[in-house]
PDB file of N, CA and C in Angstrom:
ATOM      1  N   MET A   1      78.186 -44.538 -69.681  1.00  0.00           N
ATOM      2  CA  MET A   1      78.510 -44.925 -68.317  1.00  0.00           C
ATOM      3  C   MET A   1      78.355 -46.434 -68.159  1.00  0.00           C
ATOM      4  N   LEU A   2      79.082 -46.952 -67.198  1.00  0.00           N
ATOM      5  CA  LEU A   2      78.967 -48.374 -66.916  1.00  0.00           C
ATOM      6  C   LEU A   2      77.555 -48.676 -66.433  1.00  0.00           C
ATOM      7  N   ASN A   3      77.054 -49.835 -66.777  1.00  0.00           N
ATOM      8  CA  ASN A   3      75.685 -50.207 -66.419  1.00  0.00           C
ATOM      9  C   ASN A   3      75.492 -50.335 -64.919  1.00  0.00           C
ATOM     10  N   ALA A   4      74.418 -49.769 -64.416  1.00  0.00           N
ATOM     11  CA  ALA A   4      73.975 -49.931 -63.029  1.00  0.00           C
ATOM     12  C   ALA A   4      75.049 -49.586 -62.004  1.00  0.00           C
ATOM     13  N   THR A   5      75.902 -48.610 -62.313  1.00  0.00           N
ATOM     14  CA  THR A   5      76.988 -48.286 -61.392  1.00  0.00           C
ATOM     15  C   THR A   5      76.472 -47.823 -60.045  1.00  0.00           C
ATOM     16  N   ALA A   6      75.324 -47.180 -60.019  1.00  0.00           N
ATOM     17  CA  ALA A   6      74.786 -46.693 -58.753  1.00  0.00           C
ATOM     18  C   ALA A   6      74.411 -47.851 -57.831  1.00  0.00           C
ATOM     19  N   GLU A   7      74.151 -49.015 -58.427  1.00  0.00           N
ATOM     20  CA  GLU A   7      73.721 -50.162 -57.636  1.00  0.00           C
ATOM     21  C   GLU A   7      74.842 -51.164 -57.379  1.00  0.00           C
ATOM     22  N   MET A   8      76.044 -50.858 -57.821  1.00  0.00           N
ATOM     23  CA  MET A   8      77.163 -51.780 -57.610  1.00  0.00           C
ATOM     24  C   MET A   8      77.529 -51.833 -56.140  1.00  0.00           C
ATOM     25  N   ASN A   9      77.894 -53.024 -55.678  1.00  0.00           N
ATOM     26  CA  ASN A   9      78.429 -53.096 -54.326  1.00  0.00           C
ATOM     27  C   ASN A   9      79.906 -52.709 -54.378  1.00  0.00           C
ATOM     28  N   ALA A  10      80.538 -52.608 -53.242  1.00  0.00           N
ATOM     29  CA  ALA A  10      81.919 -52.130 -53.175  1.00  0.00           C
ATOM     30  C   ALA A  10      82.872 -53.020 -53.978  1.00  0.00           C
ATOM     31  N   GLY A  11      82.707 -54.320 -53.891  1.00  0.00           N
ATOM     32  CA  GLY A  11      83.569 -55.244 -54.624  1.00  0.00           C
ATOM     33  C   GLY A  11      83.412 -55.109 -56.128  1.00  0.00           C
ATOM     34  N   GLU A  12      82.177 -54.983 -56.576  1.00  0.00           N
ATOM     35  CA  GLU A  12      81.922 -54.820 -58.008  1.00  0.00           C
ATOM     36  C   GLU A  12      82.498 -53.499 -58.512  1.00  0.00           C
ATOM     37  N   LEU A  13      82.401 -52.464 -57.698  1.00  0.00           N
ATOM     38  CA  LEU A  13      82.940 -51.163 -58.083  1.00  0.00           C
ATOM     39  C   LEU A  13      84.459 -51.229 -58.201  1.00  0.00           C
ATOM     40  N   ARG A  14      85.121 -51.884 -57.255  1.00  0.00           N
ATOM     41  CA  ARG A  14      86.588 -52.032 -57.330  1.00  0.00           C
ATOM     42  C   ARG A  14      86.984 -52.822 -58.573  1.00  0.00           C
ATOM     43  N   THR A  15      86.235 -53.866 -58.902  1.00  0.00           N
ATOM     44  CA  THR A  15      86.518 -54.666 -60.100  1.00  0.00           C
ATOM     45  C   THR A  15      86.345 -53.810 -61.355  1.00  0.00           C
ATOM     46  N   ALA A  16      85.292 -53.007 -61.401  1.00  0.00           N
ATOM     47  CA  ALA A  16      85.061 -52.124 -62.548  1.00  0.00           C
ATOM     48  C   ALA A  16      86.198 -51.118 -62.700  1.00  0.00           C
ATOM     49  N   ILE A  17      86.698 -50.597 -61.590  1.00  0.00           N
ATOM     50  CA  ILE A  17      87.799 -49.633 -61.629  1.00  0.00           C
ATOM     51  C   ILE A  17      89.075 -50.309 -62.125  1.00  0.00           C
ATOM     52  N   LYS A  18      89.319 -51.531 -61.709  1.00  0.00           N
ATOM     53  CA  LYS A  18      90.505 -52.267 -62.185  1.00  0.00           C
ATOM     54  C   LYS A  18      90.436 -52.486 -63.691  1.00  0.00           C
ATOM     55  N   ARG A  19      89.259 -52.841 -64.175  1.00  0.00           N
ATOM     56  CA  ARG A  19      89.085 -53.029 -65.625  1.00  0.00           C
ATOM     57  C   ARG A  19      89.301 -51.711 -66.358  1.00  0.00           C
ATOM     58  N   LEU A  20      88.792 -50.643 -65.783  1.00  0.00           N
ATOM     59  CA  LEU A  20      88.955 -49.304 -66.364  1.00  0.00           C
ATOM     60  C   LEU A  20      90.440 -48.939 -66.439  1.00  0.00           C
ATOM     61  N   LEU A  21      91.183 -49.219 -65.378  1.00  0.00           N
ATOM     62  CA  LEU A  21      92.621 -48.955 -65.369  1.00  0.00           C
ATOM     63  C   LEU A  21      93.314 -49.667 -66.522  1.00  0.00           C
ATOM     64  N   VAL A  22      93.026 -50.945 -66.681  1.00  0.00           N
ATOM     65  CA  VAL A  22      93.696 -51.747 -67.706  1.00  0.00           C
ATOM     66  C   VAL A  22      93.310 -51.288 -69.111  1.00  0.00           C
ATOM     67  N   THR A  23      92.014 -51.068 -69.347  1.00  0.00           N
ATOM     68  CA  THR A  23      91.573 -50.724 -70.704  1.00  0.00           C
ATOM     69  C   THR A  23      91.886 -49.278 -71.065  1.00  0.00           C
ATOM     70  N   GLU A  24      91.618 -48.349 -70.189  1.00  0.00           N
ATOM     71  CA  GLU A  24      91.800 -46.931 -70.508  1.00  0.00           C
ATOM     72  C   GLU A  24      93.256 -46.494 -70.511  1.00  0.00           C
ATOM     73  N   LEU A  25      94.086 -47.147 -69.697  1.00  0.00           N
ATOM     74  CA  LEU A  25      95.495 -46.757 -69.622  1.00  0.00           C
ATOM     75  C   LEU A  25      96.389 -47.713 -70.417  1.00  0.00           C
ATOM     76  N   ASN A  26      95.755 -48.602 -71.187  1.00  0.00           N
ATOM     77  CA  ASN A  26      96.489 -49.534 -72.046  1.00  0.00           C
ATOM     78  C   ASN A  26      97.588 -50.279 -71.293  1.00  0.00           C
ATOM     79  N   LEU A  27      97.225 -50.846 -70.149  1.00  0.00           N
ATOM     80  CA  LEU A  27      98.188 -51.616 -69.373  1.00  0.00           C
ATOM     81  C   LEU A  27      98.277 -53.017 -69.979  1.00  0.00           C
ATOM     82  N   LYS A  28      98.914 -53.072 -71.138  1.00  0.00           N
ATOM     83  CA  LYS A  28      99.006 -54.324 -71.899  1.00  0.00           C
ATOM     84  C   LYS A  28      99.620 -55.436 -71.058  1.00  0.00           C
ATOM     85  N   GLY A  29      99.019 -56.601 -71.168  1.00  0.00           N
ATOM     86  CA  GLY A  29      99.525 -57.758 -70.457  1.00  0.00           C
ATOM     87  C   GLY A  29      99.165 -57.776 -68.981  1.00  0.00           C
ATOM     88  N   ARG A  30      98.422 -56.780 -68.537  1.00  0.00           N
ATOM     89  CA  ARG A  30      98.045 -56.715 -67.122  1.00  0.00           C
ATOM     90  C   ARG A  30      96.635 -57.254 -66.949  1.00  0.00           C
ATOM     91  N   ASP A  31      96.451 -58.173 -66.046  1.00  0.00           N
ATOM     92  CA  ASP A  31      95.142 -58.744 -65.749  1.00  0.00           C
ATOM     93  C   ASP A  31      94.528 -57.936 -64.608  1.00  0.00           C
ATOM     94  N   PRO A  32      93.314 -57.402 -64.795  1.00  0.00           N
ATOM     95  CA  PRO A  32      92.690 -56.622 -63.719  1.00  0.00           C
ATOM     96  C   PRO A  32      92.653 -57.362 -62.393  1.00  0.00           C
ATOM     97  N   GLU A  33      92.543 -58.707 -62.453  1.00  0.00           N
ATOM     98  CA  GLU A  33      92.461 -59.498 -61.224  1.00  0.00           C
ATOM     99  C   GLU A  33      93.751 -59.420 -60.403  1.00  0.00           C
ATOM    100  N   THR A  34      94.870 -59.071 -61.039  1.00  0.00           N
ATOM    101  CA  THR A  34      96.151 -59.033 -60.326  1.00  0.00           C
ATOM    102  C   THR A  34      96.422 -57.684 -59.670  1.00  0.00           C
ATOM    103  N   ILE A  35      95.564 -56.714 -59.912  1.00  0.00           N
ATOM    104  CA  ILE A  35      95.745 -55.395 -59.298  1.00  0.00           C
ATOM    105  C   ILE A  35      95.161 -55.445 -57.887  1.00  0.00           C
ATOM    106  N   GLU A  36      95.980 -55.093 -56.918  1.00  0.00           N
ATOM    107  CA  GLU A  36      95.548 -55.155 -55.522  1.00  0.00           C
ATOM    108  C   GLU A  36      94.655 -53.965 -55.178  1.00  0.00           C
ATOM    109  N   ASP A  37      93.649 -54.219 -54.342  1.00  0.00           N
ATOM    110  CA  ASP A  37      92.724 -53.162 -53.928  1.00  0.00           C
ATOM    111  C   ASP A  37      93.452 -52.006 -53.240  1.00  0.00           C
ATOM    112  N   ASP A  38      94.446 -52.331 -52.420  1.00  0.00           N
ATOM    113  CA  ASP A  38      95.142 -51.312 -51.639  1.00  0.00           C
ATOM    114  C   ASP A  38      96.543 -51.011 -52.154  1.00  0.00           C
ATOM    115  N   GLY A  39      96.900 -51.571 -53.305  1.00  0.00           N
ATOM    116  CA  GLY A  39      98.227 -51.327 -53.877  1.00  0.00           C
ATOM    117  C   GLY A  39      98.340 -49.914 -54.428  1.00  0.00           C
ATOM    118  N   ALA A  40      99.527 -49.345 -54.343  1.00  0.00           N
ATOM    119  CA  ALA A  40      99.776 -47.999 -54.864  1.00  0.00           C
ATOM    120  C   ALA A  40      99.600 -47.995 -56.385  1.00  0.00           C
ATOM    121  N   LEU A  41      98.987 -46.920 -56.895  1.00  0.00           N
ATOM    122  CA  LEU A  41      98.805 -46.797 -58.333  1.00  0.00           C
ATOM    123  C   LEU A  41      99.974 -46.064 -58.978  1.00  0.00           C
ATOM    124  N   PHE A  42     100.618 -45.193 -58.220  1.00  0.00           N
ATOM    125  CA  PHE A  42     101.710 -44.380 -58.742  1.00  0.00           C
ATOM    126  C   PHE A  42     103.018 -44.788 -58.089  1.00  0.00           C
ATOM    127  N   GLY A  43     104.126 -44.362 -58.678  1.00  0.00           N
ATOM    128  CA  GLY A  43     105.422 -44.689 -58.109  1.00  0.00           C
ATOM    129  C   GLY A  43     105.703 -46.174 -58.203  1.00  0.00           C
ATOM    130  N   GLY A  44     106.031 -46.799 -57.070  1.00  0.00           N
ATOM    131  CA  GLY A  44     106.418 -48.194 -57.039  1.00  0.00           C
ATOM    132  C   GLY A  44     105.294 -49.177 -57.265  1.00  0.00           C
ATOM    133  N   GLY A  45     104.046 -48.706 -57.234  1.00  0.00           N
ATOM    134  CA  GLY A  45     102.917 -49.613 -57.442  1.00  0.00           C
ATOM    135  C   GLY A  45     102.769 -49.979 -58.906  1.00  0.00           C
ATOM    136  N   LEU A  46     101.698 -49.519 -59.532  1.00  0.00           N
ATOM    137  CA  LEU A  46     101.490 -49.784 -60.959  1.00  0.00           C
ATOM    138  C   LEU A  46     102.418 -48.934 -61.822  1.00  0.00           C
ATOM    139  N   GLY A  47     103.035 -47.923 -61.211  1.00  0.00           N
ATOM    140  CA  GLY A  47     103.961 -47.075 -61.950  1.00  0.00           C
ATOM    141  C   GLY A  47     103.292 -46.047 -62.847  1.00  0.00           C
ATOM    142  N   LEU A  48     102.076 -45.643 -62.489  1.00  0.00           N
ATOM    143  CA  LEU A  48     101.380 -44.635 -63.280  1.00  0.00           C
ATOM    144  C   LEU A  48     102.050 -43.276 -63.104  1.00  0.00           C
ATOM    145  N   ASP A  49     101.818 -42.375 -64.075  1.00  0.00           N
ATOM    146  CA  ASP A  49     102.392 -41.035 -63.995  1.00  0.00           C
ATOM    147  C   ASP A  49     101.295 -39.982 -64.111  1.00  0.00           C
ATOM    148  N   SER A  50     101.675 -38.711 -64.196  1.00  0.00           N
ATOM    149  CA  SER A  50     100.698 -37.621 -64.191  1.00  0.00           C
ATOM    150  C   SER A  50      99.787 -37.663 -65.416  1.00  0.00           C
ATOM    151  N   LEU A  51     100.289 -38.090 -66.557  1.00  0.00           N
ATOM    152  CA  LEU A  51      99.431 -38.212 -67.738  1.00  0.00           C
ATOM    153  C   LEU A  51      98.390 -39.312 -67.535  1.00  0.00           C
ATOM    154  N   ASP A  52      98.814 -40.391 -66.890  1.00  0.00           N
ATOM    155  CA  ASP A  52      97.867 -41.464 -66.560  1.00  0.00           C
ATOM    156  C   ASP A  52      96.787 -40.954 -65.615  1.00  0.00           C
ATOM    157  N   ALA A  53      97.174 -40.104 -64.660  1.00  0.00           N
ATOM    158  CA  ALA A  53      96.209 -39.549 -63.704  1.00  0.00           C
ATOM    159  C   ALA A  53      95.148 -38.734 -64.427  1.00  0.00           C
ATOM    160  N   LEU A  54      95.577 -37.923 -65.395  1.00  0.00           N
ATOM    161  CA  LEU A  54      94.633 -37.117 -66.159  1.00  0.00           C
ATOM    162  C   LEU A  54      93.679 -38.004 -66.953  1.00  0.00           C
ATOM    163  N   GLN A  55      94.227 -39.011 -67.628  1.00  0.00           N
ATOM    164  CA  GLN A  55      93.398 -39.933 -68.402  1.00  0.00           C
ATOM    165  C   GLN A  55      92.437 -40.695 -67.488  1.00  0.00           C
ATOM    166  N   LEU A  56      92.934 -41.117 -66.340  1.00  0.00           N
ATOM    167  CA  LEU A  56      92.101 -41.855 -65.391  1.00  0.00           C
ATOM    168  C   LEU A  56      90.964 -40.974 -64.869  1.00  0.00           C
ATOM    169  N   ALA A  57      91.262 -39.721 -64.552  1.00  0.00           N
ATOM    170  CA  ALA A  57      90.223 -38.798 -64.073  1.00  0.00           C
ATOM    171  C   ALA A  57      89.141 -38.620 -65.131  1.00  0.00           C
ATOM    172  N   MET A  58      89.551 -38.451 -66.381  1.00  0.00           N
ATOM    173  CA  MET A  58      88.571 -38.282 -67.463  1.00  0.00           C
ATOM    174  C   MET A  58      87.737 -39.550 -67.642  1.00  0.00           C
ATOM    175  N   SER A  59      88.379 -40.706 -67.549  1.00  0.00           N
ATOM    176  CA  SER A  59      87.662 -41.972 -67.709  1.00  0.00           C
ATOM    177  C   SER A  59      86.663 -42.196 -66.580  1.00  0.00           C
ATOM    178  N   ILE A  60      87.046 -41.849 -65.357  1.00  0.00           N
ATOM    179  CA  ILE A  60      86.136 -41.993 -64.216  1.00  0.00           C
ATOM    180  C   ILE A  60      84.921 -41.093 -64.403  1.00  0.00           C
ATOM    181  N   GLU A  61      85.169 -39.872 -64.873  1.00  0.00           N
ATOM    182  CA  GLU A  61      84.048 -38.960 -65.116  1.00  0.00           C
ATOM    183  C   GLU A  61      83.125 -39.512 -66.192  1.00  0.00           C
ATOM    184  N   GLU A  62      83.707 -40.017 -67.296  1.00  0.00           N
ATOM    185  CA  GLU A  62      82.907 -40.537 -68.405  1.00  0.00           C
ATOM    186  C   GLU A  62      82.189 -41.832 -68.039  1.00  0.00           C
ATOM    187  N   GLN A  63      82.911 -42.775 -67.453  1.00  0.00           N
ATOM    188  CA  GLN A  63      82.369 -44.112 -67.223  1.00  0.00           C
ATOM    189  C   GLN A  63      81.557 -44.242 -65.935  1.00  0.00           C
ATOM    190  N   LEU A  64      81.955 -43.502 -64.904  1.00  0.00           N
ATOM    191  CA  LEU A  64      81.291 -43.651 -63.599  1.00  0.00           C
ATOM    192  C   LEU A  64      80.458 -42.436 -63.214  1.00  0.00           C
ATOM    193  N   GLY A  65      80.549 -41.364 -64.007  1.00  0.00           N
ATOM    194  CA  GLY A  65      79.722 -40.198 -63.771  1.00  0.00           C
ATOM    195  C   GLY A  65      80.077 -39.410 -62.526  1.00  0.00           C
ATOM    196  N   VAL A  66      81.345 -39.483 -62.107  1.00  0.00           N
ATOM    197  CA  VAL A  66      81.789 -38.783 -60.895  1.00  0.00           C
ATOM    198  C   VAL A  66      82.964 -37.884 -61.256  1.00  0.00           C
ATOM    199  N   ARG A  67      82.883 -36.622 -60.851  1.00  0.00           N
ATOM    200  CA  ARG A  67      83.975 -35.693 -61.111  1.00  0.00           C
ATOM    201  C   ARG A  67      85.058 -35.882 -60.056  1.00  0.00           C
ATOM    202  N   VAL A  68      86.300 -35.981 -60.515  1.00  0.00           N
ATOM    203  CA  VAL A  68      87.445 -36.170 -59.620  1.00  0.00           C
ATOM    204  C   VAL A  68      88.034 -34.798 -59.295  1.00  0.00           C
ATOM    205  N   PRO A  69      88.327 -34.524 -58.020  1.00  0.00           N
ATOM    206  CA  PRO A  69      88.911 -33.234 -57.652  1.00  0.00           C
ATOM    207  C   PRO A  69      90.330 -33.105 -58.210  1.00  0.00           C
ATOM    208  N   GLU A  70      90.876 -31.907 -58.130  1.00  0.00           N
ATOM    209  CA  GLU A  70      92.234 -31.670 -58.620  1.00  0.00           C
ATOM    210  C   GLU A  70      93.187 -31.466 -57.456  1.00  0.00           C
ATOM    211  N   GLY A  71      94.472 -31.457 -57.744  1.00  0.00           N
ATOM    212  CA  GLY A  71      95.493 -31.151 -56.745  1.00  0.00           C
ATOM    213  C   GLY A  71      95.631 -32.200 -55.669  1.00  0.00           C
ATOM    214  N   ASP A  72      95.831 -31.717 -54.433  1.00  0.00           N
ATOM    215  CA  ASP A  72      96.070 -32.616 -53.307  1.00  0.00           C
ATOM    216  C   ASP A  72      94.903 -33.567 -53.057  1.00  0.00           C
ATOM    217  N   GLU A  73      93.687 -33.093 -53.290  1.00  0.00           N
ATOM    218  CA  GLU A  73      92.522 -33.967 -53.108  1.00  0.00           C
ATOM    219  C   GLU A  73      92.588 -35.161 -54.053  1.00  0.00           C
ATOM    220  N   ALA A  74      93.027 -34.909 -55.289  1.00  0.00           N
ATOM    221  CA  ALA A  74      93.121 -35.988 -56.275  1.00  0.00           C
ATOM    222  C   ALA A  74      94.158 -37.015 -55.852  1.00  0.00           C
ATOM    223  N   ARG A  75      95.255 -36.571 -55.239  1.00  0.00           N
ATOM    224  CA  ARG A  75      96.289 -37.508 -54.791  1.00  0.00           C
ATOM    225  C   ARG A  75      95.700 -38.532 -53.821  1.00  0.00           C
ATOM    226  N   ALA A  76      94.861 -38.060 -52.924  1.00  0.00           N
ATOM    227  CA  ALA A  76      94.243 -38.963 -51.945  1.00  0.00           C
ATOM    228  C   ALA A  76      93.286 -39.935 -52.644  1.00  0.00           C
ATOM    229  N   VAL A  77      92.526 -39.437 -53.621  1.00  0.00           N
ATOM    230  CA  VAL A  77      91.577 -40.282 -54.345  1.00  0.00           C
ATOM    231  C   VAL A  77      92.314 -41.356 -55.136  1.00  0.00           C
ATOM    232  N   PHE A  78      93.445 -40.993 -55.744  1.00  0.00           N
ATOM    233  CA  PHE A  78      94.188 -41.913 -56.605  1.00  0.00           C
ATOM    234  C   PHE A  78      95.229 -42.739 -55.863  1.00  0.00           C
ATOM    235  N   LYS A  79      95.134 -42.804 -54.553  1.00  0.00           N
ATOM    236  CA  LYS A  79      96.097 -43.574 -53.760  1.00  0.00           C
ATOM    237  C   LYS A  79      96.040 -45.064 -54.104  1.00  0.00           C
ATOM    238  N   SER A  80      94.824 -45.581 -54.296  1.00  0.00           N
ATOM    239  CA  SER A  80      94.646 -47.010 -54.580  1.00  0.00           C
ATOM    240  C   SER A  80      93.280 -47.225 -55.228  1.00  0.00           C
ATOM    241  N   VAL A  81      93.058 -48.439 -55.695  1.00  0.00           N
ATOM    242  CA  VAL A  81      91.750 -48.793 -56.250  1.00  0.00           C
ATOM    243  C   VAL A  81      90.674 -48.613 -55.179  1.00  0.00           C
ATOM    244  N   ARG A  82      90.968 -49.042 -53.955  1.00  0.00           N
ATOM    245  CA  ARG A  82      89.986 -48.912 -52.870  1.00  0.00           C
ATOM    246  C   ARG A  82      89.664 -47.438 -52.607  1.00  0.00           C
ATOM    247  N   ALA A  83      90.684 -46.567 -52.645  1.00  0.00           N
ATOM    248  CA  ALA A  83      90.457 -45.137 -52.404  1.00  0.00           C
ATOM    249  C   ALA A  83      89.564 -44.540 -53.491  1.00  0.00           C
ATOM    250  N   ILE A  84      89.777 -44.940 -54.740  1.00  0.00           N
ATOM    251  CA  ILE A  84      88.925 -44.460 -55.835  1.00  0.00           C
ATOM    252  C   ILE A  84      87.493 -44.945 -55.617  1.00  0.00           C
ATOM    253  N   ALA A  85      87.333 -46.229 -55.318  1.00  0.00           N
ATOM    254  CA  ALA A  85      85.993 -46.799 -55.110  1.00  0.00           C
ATOM    255  C   ALA A  85      85.283 -46.124 -53.947  1.00  0.00           C
ATOM    256  N   ASP A  86      86.012 -45.879 -52.857  1.00  0.00           N
ATOM    257  CA  ASP A  86      85.420 -45.214 -51.695  1.00  0.00           C
ATOM    258  C   ASP A  86      84.974 -43.802 -52.055  1.00  0.00           C
ATOM    259  N   TYR A  87      85.787 -43.099 -52.819  1.00  0.00           N
ATOM    260  CA  TYR A  87      85.443 -41.738 -53.231  1.00  0.00           C
ATOM    261  C   TYR A  87      84.199 -41.750 -54.127  1.00  0.00           C
ATOM    262  N   VAL A  88      84.179 -42.645 -55.112  1.00  0.00           N
ATOM    263  CA  VAL A  88      83.033 -42.724 -56.027  1.00  0.00           C
ATOM    264  C   VAL A  88      81.759 -43.030 -55.247  1.00  0.00           C
ATOM    265  N   ALA A  89      81.828 -43.980 -54.323  1.00  0.00           N
ATOM    266  CA  ALA A  89      80.645 -44.336 -53.519  1.00  0.00           C
ATOM    267  C   ALA A  89      80.200 -43.158 -52.661  1.00  0.00           C
ATOM    268  N   LYS A  90      81.157 -42.452 -52.055  1.00  0.00           N
ATOM    269  CA  LYS A  90      80.824 -41.308 -51.199  1.00  0.00           C
ATOM    270  C   LYS A  90      80.143 -40.194 -51.985  1.00  0.00           C
ATOM    271  N   VAL A  91      80.672 -39.885 -53.161  1.00  0.00           N
ATOM    272  CA  VAL A  91      80.095 -38.813 -53.985  1.00  0.00           C
ATOM    273  C   VAL A  91      78.697 -39.198 -54.454  1.00  0.00           C
ATOM    274  N   ARG A  92      78.523 -40.460 -54.814  1.00  0.00           N
ATOM    275  CA  ARG A  92      77.214 -40.918 -55.284  1.00  0.00           C
ATOM    276  C   ARG A  92      76.165 -40.893 -54.196  1.00  0.00           C
ATOM    277  N   ASP A  93      76.590 -41.189 -52.968  1.00  0.00           N
ATOM    278  CA  ASP A  93      75.643 -41.243 -51.852  1.00  0.00           C
ATOM    279  C   ASP A  93      75.331 -39.870 -51.286  1.00  0.00           C
ATOM    280  N   ALA A  94      76.092 -38.863 -51.682  1.00  0.00           N
ATOM    281  CA  ALA A  94      75.926 -37.506 -51.139  1.00  0.00           C
ATOM    282  C   ALA A  94      74.654 -36.859 -51.652  1.00  0.00           C
TER     283      ALA A  94
END
């Protein structure tokens, strides 16, 4: 797991998620700093697909220690980097 994830502030968590996106999904040539907090991850945004979603869910579980829901709930979580960070923070604080 990423170091001290439970103590990360919201900005640090979003940065960690951006790095995770780039490294785990092999977004070659993509700088994590250029990924927008509220930008779409699928479709017209980063252009991720369902296989990317599965890989991302597994990476979040491994690196951040949070289980990602399936189906419609997952769509809401994977809407943007901010949505993922908000979900991770909410689950951790529960």
